[in-house]
Amino acid sequence: MGWKVDRLRVLFIGDIVGRPGRRAIRKLLPAACEEYRPDFVIANGENAAGGLGITPDIATKLLDSEIDVLTSGNHVWNKKEIYDYLNSTQRLIR
């Protein structure tokens, strides 16, 4: 019943910072995924909103791209609107 994985390709993207970082994701991630064919894409999104914090809208847009999960850190708490979102998704890790 289990499955065997000979190789798992993970693409980890460091800090996505503000609008320039989100723009880079939109522009570069599709080609990177096509070239490297990752099985799983992880990105740090805690600074995606203006360089400090993340909002539900930004998180949703990033997760609608080829990113499977977003990580966060202490800056995730800088945008109060993210609090409920954190409790409603498993794809934004505290």
PDB file of N, CA and C in Angstrom:
ATOM      1  N   MET A   1       0.807  -1.202   0.000  1.00  0.00           N
ATOM      2  CA  MET A   1       0.000   0.000   0.000  1.00  0.00           C
ATOM      3  C   MET A   1       0.848   1.264   0.000  1.00  0.00           C
ATOM      4  N   GLY A   2       2.051   1.172   0.522  1.00  0.00           N
ATOM      5  CA  GLY A   2       2.914   2.346   0.537  1.00  0.00           C
ATOM      6  C   GLY A   2       3.509   2.600  -0.830  1.00  0.00           C
ATOM      7  N   TRP A   3       4.190   3.678  -0.951  1.00  0.00           N
ATOM      8  CA  TRP A   3       4.867   3.974  -2.196  1.00  0.00           C
ATOM      9  C   TRP A   3       6.310   4.305  -1.894  1.00  0.00           C
ATOM     10  N   LYS A   4       7.138   4.003  -2.853  1.00  0.00           N
ATOM     11  CA  LYS A   4       8.565   4.221  -2.687  1.00  0.00           C
ATOM     12  C   LYS A   4       8.996   5.401  -3.547  1.00  0.00           C
ATOM     13  N   VAL A   5       9.766   6.263  -2.949  1.00  0.00           N
ATOM     14  CA  VAL A   5      10.299   7.409  -3.669  1.00  0.00           C
ATOM     15  C   VAL A   5      11.806   7.235  -3.762  1.00  0.00           C
ATOM     16  N   ASP A   6      12.303   7.169  -4.974  1.00  0.00           N
ATOM     17  CA  ASP A   6      13.745   7.069  -5.170  1.00  0.00           C
ATOM     18  C   ASP A   6      14.416   8.420  -4.974  1.00  0.00           C
ATOM     19  N   ARG A   7      13.673   9.453  -5.316  1.00  0.00           N
ATOM     20  CA  ARG A   7      14.228  10.793  -5.235  1.00  0.00           C
ATOM     21  C   ARG A   7      13.075  11.770  -5.036  1.00  0.00           C
ATOM     22  N   LEU A   8      13.276  12.715  -4.171  1.00  0.00           N
ATOM     23  CA  LEU A   8      12.286  13.761  -3.935  1.00  0.00           C
ATOM     24  C   LEU A   8      12.968  15.089  -4.207  1.00  0.00           C
ATOM     25  N   ARG A   9      12.449  15.810  -5.169  1.00  0.00           N
ATOM     26  CA  ARG A   9      13.036  17.103  -5.522  1.00  0.00           C
ATOM     27  C   ARG A   9      12.250  18.204  -4.832  1.00  0.00           C
ATOM     28  N   VAL A  10      12.948  18.949  -3.999  1.00  0.00           N
ATOM     29  CA  VAL A  10      12.339  20.057  -3.268  1.00  0.00           C
ATOM     30  C   VAL A  10      12.996  21.347  -3.743  1.00  0.00           C
ATOM     31  N   LEU A  11      12.158  22.305  -4.093  1.00  0.00           N
ATOM     32  CA  LEU A  11      12.649  23.639  -4.426  1.00  0.00           C
ATOM     33  C   LEU A  11      12.302  24.531  -3.245  1.00  0.00           C
ATOM     34  N   PHE A  12      13.321  25.076  -2.593  1.00  0.00           N
ATOM     35  CA  PHE A  12      13.089  25.970  -1.466  1.00  0.00           C
ATOM     36  C   PHE A  12      13.480  27.371  -1.874  1.00  0.00           C
ATOM     37  N   ILE A  13      12.540  28.286  -1.731  1.00  0.00           N
ATOM     38  CA  ILE A  13      12.753  29.688  -2.078  1.00  0.00           C
ATOM     39  C   ILE A  13      12.896  30.452  -0.774  1.00  0.00           C
ATOM     40  N   GLY A  14      13.963  31.185  -0.640  1.00  0.00           N
ATOM     41  CA  GLY A  14      14.189  31.986   0.563  1.00  0.00           C
ATOM     42  C   GLY A  14      13.170  33.109   0.671  1.00  0.00           C
ATOM     43  N   ASP A  15      13.501  34.103   1.404  1.00  0.00           N
ATOM     44  CA  ASP A  15      12.592  35.198   1.738  1.00  0.00           C
ATOM     45  C   ASP A  15      12.026  35.905   0.502  1.00  0.00           C
ATOM     46  N   ILE A  16      10.713  35.892   0.373  1.00  0.00           N
ATOM     47  CA  ILE A  16      10.023  36.687  -0.647  1.00  0.00           C
ATOM     48  C   ILE A  16       9.754  38.035   0.009  1.00  0.00           C
ATOM     49  N   VAL A  17      10.415  39.077  -0.462  1.00  0.00           N
ATOM     50  CA  VAL A  17      10.331  40.376   0.198  1.00  0.00           C
ATOM     51  C   VAL A  17       9.550  41.361  -0.663  1.00  0.00           C
ATOM     52  N   GLY A  18       8.379  41.741  -0.163  1.00  0.00           N
ATOM     53  CA  GLY A  18       7.575  42.787  -0.777  1.00  0.00           C
ATOM     54  C   GLY A  18       7.158  42.514  -2.207  1.00  0.00           C
ATOM     55  N   ARG A  19       6.730  43.588  -2.853  1.00  0.00           N
ATOM     56  CA  ARG A  19       6.256  43.504  -4.233  1.00  0.00           C
ATOM     57  C   ARG A  19       7.336  43.014  -5.199  1.00  0.00           C
ATOM     58  N   PRO A  20       8.594  43.474  -5.055  1.00  0.00           N
ATOM     59  CA  PRO A  20       9.628  42.957  -5.966  1.00  0.00           C
ATOM     60  C   PRO A  20       9.805  41.442  -5.851  1.00  0.00           C
ATOM     61  N   GLY A  21       9.730  40.921  -4.644  1.00  0.00           N
ATOM     62  CA  GLY A  21       9.844  39.473  -4.459  1.00  0.00           C
ATOM     63  C   GLY A  21       8.676  38.727  -5.069  1.00  0.00           C
ATOM     64  N   ARG A  22       7.466  39.263  -4.892  1.00  0.00           N
ATOM     65  CA  ARG A  22       6.280  38.620  -5.479  1.00  0.00           C
ATOM     66  C   ARG A  22       6.345  38.672  -6.999  1.00  0.00           C
ATOM     67  N   ARG A  23       6.830  39.779  -7.532  1.00  0.00           N
ATOM     68  CA  ARG A  23       6.990  39.916  -8.982  1.00  0.00           C
ATOM     69  C   ARG A  23       8.000  38.889  -9.505  1.00  0.00           C
ATOM     70  N   ALA A  24       9.093  38.702  -8.776  1.00  0.00           N
ATOM     71  CA  ALA A  24      10.103  37.719  -9.184  1.00  0.00           C
ATOM     72  C   ALA A  24       9.521  36.310  -9.178  1.00  0.00           C
ATOM     73  N   ILE A  25       8.683  36.001  -8.189  1.00  0.00           N
ATOM     74  CA  ILE A  25       8.039  34.682  -8.137  1.00  0.00           C
ATOM     75  C   ILE A  25       7.170  34.481  -9.374  1.00  0.00           C
ATOM     76  N   ARG A  26       6.338  35.475  -9.688  1.00  0.00           N
ATOM     77  CA  ARG A  26       5.463  35.358 -10.866  1.00  0.00           C
ATOM     78  C   ARG A  26       6.270  35.176 -12.145  1.00  0.00           C
ATOM     79  N   LYS A  27       7.378  35.892 -12.243  1.00  0.00           N
ATOM     80  CA  LYS A  27       8.169  35.866 -13.473  1.00  0.00           C
ATOM     81  C   LYS A  27       9.058  34.623 -13.585  1.00  0.00           C
ATOM     82  N   LEU A  28       9.683  34.206 -12.494  1.00  0.00           N
ATOM     83  CA  LEU A  28      10.729  33.184 -12.565  1.00  0.00           C
ATOM     84  C   LEU A  28      10.309  31.784 -12.136  1.00  0.00           C
ATOM     85  N   LEU A  29       9.319  31.671 -11.258  1.00  0.00           N
ATOM     86  CA  LEU A  29       8.977  30.355 -10.727  1.00  0.00           C
ATOM     87  C   LEU A  29       8.473  29.381 -11.789  1.00  0.00           C
ATOM     88  N   PRO A  30       7.609  29.785 -12.715  1.00  0.00           N
ATOM     89  CA  PRO A  30       7.155  28.810 -13.714  1.00  0.00           C
ATOM     90  C   PRO A  30       8.305  28.172 -14.498  1.00  0.00           C
ATOM     91  N   ALA A  31       9.271  28.964 -14.911  1.00  0.00           N
ATOM     92  CA  ALA A  31      10.405  28.413 -15.665  1.00  0.00           C
ATOM     93  C   ALA A  31      11.271  27.522 -14.785  1.00  0.00           C
ATOM     94  N   ALA A  32      11.466  27.912 -13.528  1.00  0.00           N
ATOM     95  CA  ALA A  32      12.265  27.086 -12.613  1.00  0.00           C
ATOM     96  C   ALA A  32      11.586  25.742 -12.388  1.00  0.00           C
ATOM     97  N   CYS A  33      10.269  25.767 -12.245  1.00  0.00           N
ATOM     98  CA  CYS A  33       9.538  24.508 -12.044  1.00  0.00           C
ATOM     99  C   CYS A  33       9.588  23.635 -13.290  1.00  0.00           C
ATOM    100  N   GLU A  34       9.518  24.273 -14.443  1.00  0.00           N
ATOM    101  CA  GLU A  34       9.599  23.500 -15.684  1.00  0.00           C
ATOM    102  C   GLU A  34      10.986  22.876 -15.848  1.00  0.00           C
ATOM    103  N   GLU A  35      12.009  23.638 -15.526  1.00  0.00           N
ATOM    104  CA  GLU A  35      13.376  23.135 -15.700  1.00  0.00           C
ATOM    105  C   GLU A  35      13.749  22.071 -14.667  1.00  0.00           C
ATOM    106  N   TYR A  36      13.425  22.321 -13.403  1.00  0.00           N
ATOM    107  CA  TYR A  36      13.884  21.421 -12.332  1.00  0.00           C
ATOM    108  C   TYR A  36      12.846  20.388 -11.908  1.00  0.00           C
ATOM    109  N   ARG A  37      11.603  20.576 -12.302  1.00  0.00           N
ATOM    110  CA  ARG A  37      10.510  19.651 -12.024  1.00  0.00           C
ATOM    111  C   ARG A  37      10.465  19.204 -10.560  1.00  0.00           C
ATOM    112  N   PRO A  38      10.337  20.169  -9.644  1.00  0.00           N
ATOM    113  CA  PRO A  38      10.303  19.793  -8.231  1.00  0.00           C
ATOM    114  C   PRO A  38       9.015  19.052  -7.884  1.00  0.00           C
ATOM    115  N   ASP A  39       9.130  18.171  -6.912  1.00  0.00           N
ATOM    116  CA  ASP A  39       7.953  17.479  -6.392  1.00  0.00           C
ATOM    117  C   ASP A  39       7.217  18.350  -5.381  1.00  0.00           C
ATOM    118  N   PHE A  40       7.950  19.265  -4.777  1.00  0.00           N
ATOM    119  CA  PHE A  40       7.395  20.084  -3.707  1.00  0.00           C
ATOM    120  C   PHE A  40       8.109  21.426  -3.705  1.00  0.00           C
ATOM    121  N   VAL A  41       7.351  22.514  -3.601  1.00  0.00           N
ATOM    122  CA  VAL A  41       7.929  23.860  -3.585  1.00  0.00           C
ATOM    123  C   VAL A  41       7.575  24.534  -2.260  1.00  0.00           C
ATOM    124  N   ILE A  42       8.601  24.985  -1.565  1.00  0.00           N
ATOM    125  CA  ILE A  42       8.460  25.662  -0.281  1.00  0.00           C
ATOM    126  C   ILE A  42       9.038  27.062  -0.433  1.00  0.00           C
ATOM    127  N   ALA A  43       8.378  28.059   0.146  1.00  0.00           N
ATOM    128  CA  ALA A  43       8.908  29.419   0.100  1.00  0.00           C
ATOM    129  C   ALA A  43       8.672  30.107   1.435  1.00  0.00           C
ATOM    130  N   ASN A  44       9.596  30.977   1.806  1.00  0.00           N
ATOM    131  CA  ASN A  44       9.408  31.774   3.010  1.00  0.00           C
ATOM    132  C   ASN A  44       8.627  33.018   2.624  1.00  0.00           C
ATOM    133  N   GLY A  45       7.447  33.185   3.214  1.00  0.00           N
ATOM    134  CA  GLY A  45       6.575  34.288   2.832  1.00  0.00           C
ATOM    135  C   GLY A  45       6.352  35.331   3.900  1.00  0.00           C
ATOM    136  N   GLU A  46       7.065  35.263   5.015  1.00  0.00           N
ATOM    137  CA  GLU A  46       6.762  36.139   6.143  1.00  0.00           C
ATOM    138  C   GLU A  46       6.998  37.618   5.869  1.00  0.00           C
ATOM    139  N   ASN A  47       7.709  37.957   4.805  1.00  0.00           N
ATOM    140  CA  ASN A  47       7.970  39.364   4.479  1.00  0.00           C
ATOM    141  C   ASN A  47       7.387  39.763   3.125  1.00  0.00           C
ATOM    142  N   ALA A  48       6.426  39.003   2.652  1.00  0.00           N
ATOM    143  CA  ALA A  48       5.878  39.225   1.312  1.00  0.00           C
ATOM    144  C   ALA A  48       5.007  40.472   1.206  1.00  0.00           C
ATOM    145  N   ALA A  49       4.527  40.989   2.328  1.00  0.00           N
ATOM    146  CA  ALA A  49       3.676  42.191   2.317  1.00  0.00           C
ATOM    147  C   ALA A  49       4.514  43.392   2.741  1.00  0.00           C
ATOM    148  N   GLY A  50       5.003  44.117   1.785  1.00  0.00           N
ATOM    149  CA  GLY A  50       5.754  45.327   2.087  1.00  0.00           C
ATOM    150  C   GLY A  50       7.048  45.090   2.839  1.00  0.00           C
ATOM    151  N   GLY A  51       7.558  43.882   2.788  1.00  0.00           N
ATOM    152  CA  GLY A  51       8.810  43.571   3.458  1.00  0.00           C
ATOM    153  C   GLY A  51       8.677  43.231   4.930  1.00  0.00           C
ATOM    154  N   LEU A  52       7.434  43.209   5.437  1.00  0.00           N
ATOM    155  CA  LEU A  52       7.239  42.916   6.862  1.00  0.00           C
ATOM    156  C   LEU A  52       5.841  42.353   7.074  1.00  0.00           C
ATOM    157  N   GLY A  53       5.717  41.045   7.124  1.00  0.00           N
ATOM    158  CA  GLY A  53       4.423  40.402   7.320  1.00  0.00           C
ATOM    159  C   GLY A  53       3.879  39.824   6.021  1.00  0.00           C
ATOM    160  N   ILE A  54       2.698  39.246   6.135  1.00  0.00           N
ATOM    161  CA  ILE A  54       2.001  38.672   4.984  1.00  0.00           C
ATOM    162  C   ILE A  54       0.505  38.813   5.236  1.00  0.00           C
ATOM    163  N   THR A  55      -0.256  39.016   4.184  1.00  0.00           N
ATOM    164  CA  THR A  55      -1.713  39.129   4.297  1.00  0.00           C
ATOM    165  C   THR A  55      -2.356  37.881   3.701  1.00  0.00           C
ATOM    166  N   PRO A  56      -3.620  37.623   4.045  1.00  0.00           N
ATOM    167  CA  PRO A  56      -4.308  36.478   3.445  1.00  0.00           C
ATOM    168  C   PRO A  56      -4.339  36.549   1.919  1.00  0.00           C
ATOM    169  N   ASP A  57      -4.561  37.737   1.374  1.00  0.00           N
ATOM    170  CA  ASP A  57      -4.627  37.883  -0.082  1.00  0.00           C
ATOM    171  C   ASP A  57      -3.291  37.520  -0.730  1.00  0.00           C
ATOM    172  N   ILE A  58      -2.215  38.008  -0.163  1.00  0.00           N
ATOM    173  CA  ILE A  58      -0.895  37.707  -0.716  1.00  0.00           C
ATOM    174  C   ILE A  58      -0.574  36.227  -0.552  1.00  0.00           C
ATOM    175  N   ALA A  59      -0.884  35.666   0.613  1.00  0.00           N
ATOM    176  CA  ALA A  59      -0.639  34.231   0.834  1.00  0.00           C
ATOM    177  C   ALA A  59      -1.407  33.399  -0.184  1.00  0.00           C
ATOM    178  N   THR A  60      -2.669  33.735  -0.398  1.00  0.00           N
ATOM    179  CA  THR A  60      -3.502  32.993  -1.346  1.00  0.00           C
ATOM    180  C   THR A  60      -2.926  33.077  -2.753  1.00  0.00           C
ATOM    181  N   LYS A  61      -2.515  34.265  -3.164  1.00  0.00           N
ATOM    182  CA  LYS A  61      -1.943  34.422  -4.508  1.00  0.00           C
ATOM    183  C   LYS A  61      -0.649  33.621  -4.658  1.00  0.00           C
ATOM    184  N   LEU A  62       0.188  33.640  -3.640  1.00  0.00           N
ATOM    185  CA  LEU A  62       1.429  32.857  -3.709  1.00  0.00           C
ATOM    186  C   LEU A  62       1.123  31.365  -3.762  1.00  0.00           C
ATOM    187  N   LEU A  63       0.165  30.929  -2.953  1.00  0.00           N
ATOM    188  CA  LEU A  63      -0.183  29.506  -2.928  1.00  0.00           C
ATOM    189  C   LEU A  63      -0.940  29.073  -4.179  1.00  0.00           C
ATOM    190  N   ASP A  64      -1.527  30.026  -4.894  1.00  0.00           N
ATOM    191  CA  ASP A  64      -2.171  29.710  -6.172  1.00  0.00           C
ATOM    192  C   ASP A  64      -1.141  29.588  -7.295  1.00  0.00           C
ATOM    193  N   SER A  65       0.081  30.036  -7.020  1.00  0.00           N
ATOM    194  CA  SER A  65       1.153  29.810  -7.991  1.00  0.00           C
ATOM    195  C   SER A  65       1.644  28.383  -7.755  1.00  0.00           C
ATOM    196  N   GLU A  66       2.839  28.089  -8.098  1.00  0.00           N
ATOM    197  CA  GLU A  66       3.329  26.708  -7.971  1.00  0.00           C
ATOM    198  C   GLU A  66       3.944  26.419  -6.603  1.00  0.00           C
ATOM    199  N   ILE A  67       3.697  27.302  -5.633  1.00  0.00           N
ATOM    200  CA  ILE A  67       4.199  27.104  -4.270  1.00  0.00           C
ATOM    201  C   ILE A  67       3.233  26.200  -3.522  1.00  0.00           C
ATOM    202  N   ASP A  68       3.764  25.147  -2.909  1.00  0.00           N
ATOM    203  CA  ASP A  68       2.931  24.204  -2.161  1.00  0.00           C
ATOM    204  C   ASP A  68       2.717  24.634  -0.718  1.00  0.00           C
ATOM    205  N   VAL A  69       3.744  25.209  -0.111  1.00  0.00           N
ATOM    206  CA  VAL A  69       3.632  25.620   1.287  1.00  0.00           C
ATOM    207  C   VAL A  69       4.506  26.847   1.527  1.00  0.00           C
ATOM    208  N   LEU A  70       4.012  27.729   2.399  1.00  0.00           N
ATOM    209  CA  LEU A  70       4.763  28.911   2.805  1.00  0.00           C
ATOM    210  C   LEU A  70       5.231  28.736   4.241  1.00  0.00           C
ATOM    211  N   THR A  71       6.461  29.119   4.493  1.00  0.00           N
ATOM    212  CA  THR A  71       6.944  29.146   5.862  1.00  0.00           C
ATOM    213  C   THR A  71       6.865  30.583   6.356  1.00  0.00           C
ATOM    214  N   SER A  72       6.966  30.735   7.660  1.00  0.00           N
ATOM    215  CA  SER A  72       6.915  32.080   8.228  1.00  0.00           C
ATOM    216  C   SER A  72       7.938  32.185   9.345  1.00  0.00           C
ATOM    217  N   GLY A  73       7.860  33.261  10.056  1.00  0.00           N
ATOM    218  CA  GLY A  73       8.748  33.512  11.183  1.00  0.00           C
ATOM    219  C   GLY A  73       8.137  34.612  12.023  1.00  0.00           C
ATOM    220  N   ASN A  74       8.956  35.305  12.769  1.00  0.00           N
ATOM    221  CA  ASN A  74       8.421  36.305  13.690  1.00  0.00           C
ATOM    222  C   ASN A  74       7.675  37.443  12.996  1.00  0.00           C
ATOM    223  N   HIS A  75       8.000  37.760  11.760  1.00  0.00           N
ATOM    224  CA  HIS A  75       7.327  38.870  11.080  1.00  0.00           C
ATOM    225  C   HIS A  75       5.912  38.537  10.618  1.00  0.00           C
ATOM    226  N   VAL A  76       5.540  37.267  10.643  1.00  0.00           N
ATOM    227  CA  VAL A  76       4.194  36.889  10.214  1.00  0.00           C
ATOM    228  C   VAL A  76       3.133  37.592  11.060  1.00  0.00           C
ATOM    229  N   TRP A  77       3.469  37.950  12.291  1.00  0.00           N
ATOM    230  CA  TRP A  77       2.497  38.556  13.211  1.00  0.00           C
ATOM    231  C   TRP A  77       2.318  40.054  12.977  1.00  0.00           C
ATOM    232  N   ASN A  78       3.056  40.649  12.043  1.00  0.00           N
ATOM    233  CA  ASN A  78       2.964  42.087  11.817  1.00  0.00           C
ATOM    234  C   ASN A  78       1.683  42.526  11.112  1.00  0.00           C
ATOM    235  N   LYS A  79       0.992  41.624  10.480  1.00  0.00           N
ATOM    236  CA  LYS A  79      -0.280  41.943   9.817  1.00  0.00           C
ATOM    237  C   LYS A  79      -1.385  41.184  10.544  1.00  0.00           C
ATOM    238  N   LYS A  80      -2.187  41.909  11.318  1.00  0.00           N
ATOM    239  CA  LYS A  80      -3.218  41.262  12.147  1.00  0.00           C
ATOM    240  C   LYS A  80      -4.217  40.440  11.335  1.00  0.00           C
ATOM    241  N   GLU A  81      -4.446  40.835  10.090  1.00  0.00           N
ATOM    242  CA  GLU A  81      -5.429  40.126   9.272  1.00  0.00           C
ATOM    243  C   GLU A  81      -5.002  38.692   8.947  1.00  0.00           C
ATOM    244  N   ILE A  82      -3.760  38.344   9.219  1.00  0.00           N
ATOM    245  CA  ILE A  82      -3.298  36.982   8.931  1.00  0.00           C
ATOM    246  C   ILE A  82      -3.673  36.004  10.043  1.00  0.00           C
ATOM    247  N   TYR A  83      -4.021  36.500  11.222  1.00  0.00           N
ATOM    248  CA  TYR A  83      -4.264  35.626  12.378  1.00  0.00           C
ATOM    249  C   TYR A  83      -5.301  34.543  12.084  1.00  0.00           C
ATOM    250  N   ASP A  84      -6.484  34.925  11.626  1.00  0.00           N
ATOM    251  CA  ASP A  84      -7.531  33.937  11.336  1.00  0.00           C
ATOM    252  C   ASP A  84      -7.124  33.022  10.186  1.00  0.00           C
ATOM    253  N   TYR A  85      -6.449  33.594   9.202  1.00  0.00           N
ATOM    254  CA  TYR A  85      -6.008  32.806   8.048  1.00  0.00           C
ATOM    255  C   TYR A  85      -5.064  31.685   8.487  1.00  0.00           C
ATOM    256  N   LEU A  86      -4.167  31.990   9.411  1.00  0.00           N
ATOM    257  CA  LEU A  86      -3.236  30.972   9.915  1.00  0.00           C
ATOM    258  C   LEU A  86      -3.975  29.772  10.494  1.00  0.00           C
ATOM    259  N   ASN A  87      -5.105  30.030  11.130  1.00  0.00           N
ATOM    260  CA  ASN A  87      -5.889  28.945  11.728  1.00  0.00           C
ATOM    261  C   ASN A  87      -6.741  28.203  10.706  1.00  0.00           C
ATOM    262  N   SER A  88      -6.872  28.763   9.516  1.00  0.00           N
ATOM    263  CA  SER A  88      -7.763  28.159   8.520  1.00  0.00           C
ATOM    264  C   SER A  88      -7.022  27.392   7.422  1.00  0.00           C
ATOM    265  N   THR A  89      -5.708  27.428   7.422  1.00  0.00           N
ATOM    266  CA  THR A  89      -4.949  26.742   6.375  1.00  0.00           C
ATOM    267  C   THR A  89      -3.799  25.941   6.977  1.00  0.00           C
ATOM    268  N   GLN A  90      -3.455  24.881   6.299  1.00  0.00           N
ATOM    269  CA  GLN A  90      -2.282  24.101   6.692  1.00  0.00           C
ATOM    270  C   GLN A  90      -1.101  24.401   5.773  1.00  0.00           C
ATOM    271  N   ARG A  91      -1.310  25.318   4.837  1.00  0.00           N
ATOM    272  CA  ARG A  91      -0.263  25.594   3.844  1.00  0.00           C
ATOM    273  C   ARG A  91       0.594  26.811   4.194  1.00  0.00           C
ATOM    274  N   LEU A  92       0.272  27.480   5.290  1.00  0.00           N
ATOM    275  CA  LEU A  92       1.117  28.553   5.814  1.00  0.00           C
ATOM    276  C   LEU A  92       1.565  28.103   7.194  1.00  0.00           C
ATOM    277  N   ILE A  93       2.830  27.738   7.287  1.00  0.00           N
ATOM    278  CA  ILE A  93       3.367  27.162   8.516  1.00  0.00           C
ATOM    279  C   ILE A  93       3.876  28.274   9.419  1.00  0.00           C
ATOM    280  N   ARG A  94       3.495  28.207  10.669  1.00  0.00           N
ATOM    281  CA  ARG A  94       3.947  29.223  11.633  1.00  0.00           C
ATOM    282  C   ARG A  94       5.416  29.109  11.892  1.00  0.00           C
TER     283      ARG A  94
END
